[in-house]
């Protein structure tokens, strides 16, 4: 474990980046389809909002 609890921050940062990448992959899959159901359109909106939240959290951790 590193000093000042940075190990926990690194783990959290890695988790956030992993989730962001997973959501990006799902978004690319949905974007590649010719037509989407109403549920898939909604899923895209949810994914984009979550990705933006994660990006903000990642940025905060990287600058602290």
C-alpha atoms as a PDB file:
ATOM      1  CA  UNK A   1       0.000   0.000   0.000  1.00  0.00           C
ATOM      2  CA  UNK A   2       1.263   3.455  -0.864  1.00  0.00           C
ATOM      3  CA  UNK A   3       1.416   6.393   1.520  1.00  0.00           C
ATOM      4  CA  UNK A   4      -1.512   8.746   2.140  1.00  0.00           C
ATOM      5  CA  UNK A   5      -4.103   6.250   0.885  1.00  0.00           C
ATOM      6  CA  UNK A   6      -3.227   6.708  -2.770  1.00  0.00           C
ATOM      7  CA  UNK A   7      -3.581   2.981  -3.351  1.00  0.00           C
ATOM      8  CA  UNK A   8      -7.318   3.230  -2.707  1.00  0.00           C
ATOM      9  CA  UNK A   9      -7.556   6.229  -5.041  1.00  0.00           C
ATOM     10  CA  UNK A  10      -5.683   4.363  -7.759  1.00  0.00           C
ATOM     11  CA  UNK A  11      -8.034   1.400  -7.426  1.00  0.00           C
ATOM     12  CA  UNK A  12     -11.037   3.681  -7.624  1.00  0.00           C
ATOM     13  CA  UNK A  13      -9.567   5.509 -10.616  1.00  0.00           C
ATOM     14  CA  UNK A  14      -8.915   2.208 -12.386  1.00  0.00           C
ATOM     15  CA  UNK A  15     -12.466   1.072 -11.633  1.00  0.00           C
ATOM     16  CA  UNK A  16     -13.918   4.297 -13.012  1.00  0.00           C
ATOM     17  CA  UNK A  17     -11.812   4.059 -16.165  1.00  0.00           C
ATOM     18  CA  UNK A  18     -12.828   0.432 -16.641  1.00  0.00           C
ATOM     19  CA  UNK A  19     -16.520   1.233 -16.285  1.00  0.00           C
ATOM     20  CA  UNK A  20     -16.152   4.173 -18.688  1.00  0.00           C
ATOM     21  CA  UNK A  21     -14.527   1.887 -21.260  1.00  0.00           C
ATOM     22  CA  UNK A  22     -17.207  -0.769 -20.818  1.00  0.00           C
ATOM     23  CA  UNK A  23     -19.930   1.813 -21.377  1.00  0.00           C
ATOM     24  CA  UNK A  24     -18.096   3.150 -24.423  1.00  0.00           C
ATOM     25  CA  UNK A  25     -18.003  -0.338 -25.918  1.00  0.00           C
ATOM     26  CA  UNK A  26     -21.741  -0.791 -25.327  1.00  0.00           C
ATOM     27  CA  UNK A  27     -22.456   2.622 -26.846  1.00  0.00           C
ATOM     28  CA  UNK A  28     -20.450   1.754 -29.960  1.00  0.00           C
ATOM     29  CA  UNK A  29     -22.424  -1.470 -30.319  1.00  0.00           C
ATOM     30  CA  UNK A  30     -25.734   0.358 -30.092  1.00  0.00           C
ATOM     31  CA  UNK A  31     -24.552   3.064 -32.503  1.00  0.00           C
ATOM     32  CA  UNK A  32     -23.654   0.427 -35.089  1.00  0.00           C
ATOM     33  CA  UNK A  33     -27.224  -0.869 -35.335  1.00  0.00           C
ATOM     34  CA  UNK A  34     -29.525   0.254 -38.139  1.00  0.00           C
ATOM     35  CA  UNK A  35     -32.556   0.633 -35.928  1.00  0.00           C
ATOM     36  CA  UNK A  36     -33.066   0.804 -32.205  1.00  0.00           C
ATOM     37  CA  UNK A  37     -35.975   0.025 -29.950  1.00  0.00           C
ATOM     38  CA  UNK A  38     -37.310   2.734 -27.642  1.00  0.00           C
ATOM     39  CA  UNK A  39     -35.563   0.939 -24.777  1.00  0.00           C
ATOM     40  CA  UNK A  40     -32.246   1.064 -26.623  1.00  0.00           C
ATOM     41  CA  UNK A  41     -32.684   4.793 -27.314  1.00  0.00           C
ATOM     42  CA  UNK A  42     -33.255   5.263 -23.605  1.00  0.00           C
ATOM     43  CA  UNK A  43     -30.228   3.106 -22.796  1.00  0.00           C
ATOM     44  CA  UNK A  44     -28.066   5.341 -24.995  1.00  0.00           C
ATOM     45  CA  UNK A  45     -29.212   8.404 -23.047  1.00  0.00           C
ATOM     46  CA  UNK A  46     -28.447   6.712 -19.734  1.00  0.00           C
ATOM     47  CA  UNK A  47     -25.027   5.547 -20.931  1.00  0.00           C
ATOM     48  CA  UNK A  48     -24.061   9.014 -22.157  1.00  0.00           C
ATOM     49  CA  UNK A  49     -25.033  10.600 -18.846  1.00  0.00           C
ATOM     50  CA  UNK A  50     -23.158   7.954 -16.870  1.00  0.00           C
ATOM     51  CA  UNK A  51     -20.064   8.327 -19.070  1.00  0.00           C
ATOM     52  CA  UNK A  52     -20.088  12.090 -18.517  1.00  0.00           C
ATOM     53  CA  UNK A  53     -20.383  11.586 -14.758  1.00  0.00           C
ATOM     54  CA  UNK A  54     -17.516   9.087 -14.804  1.00  0.00           C
ATOM     55  CA  UNK A  55     -15.373  11.397 -16.920  1.00  0.00           C
ATOM     56  CA  UNK A  56     -15.869  14.173 -14.366  1.00  0.00           C
ATOM     57  CA  UNK A  57     -14.993  11.840 -11.485  1.00  0.00           C
ATOM     58  CA  UNK A  58     -11.882  10.597 -13.294  1.00  0.00           C
ATOM     59  CA  UNK A  59     -10.792  14.161 -13.973  1.00  0.00           C
ATOM     60  CA  UNK A  60     -11.246  15.117 -10.320  1.00  0.00           C
ATOM     61  CA  UNK A  61      -9.172  12.151  -9.140  1.00  0.00           C
ATOM     62  CA  UNK A  62      -6.419  12.770 -11.675  1.00  0.00           C
ATOM     63  CA  UNK A  63      -6.053  16.414 -10.702  1.00  0.00           C
ATOM     64  CA  UNK A  64      -6.102  15.864  -6.936  1.00  0.00           C
END
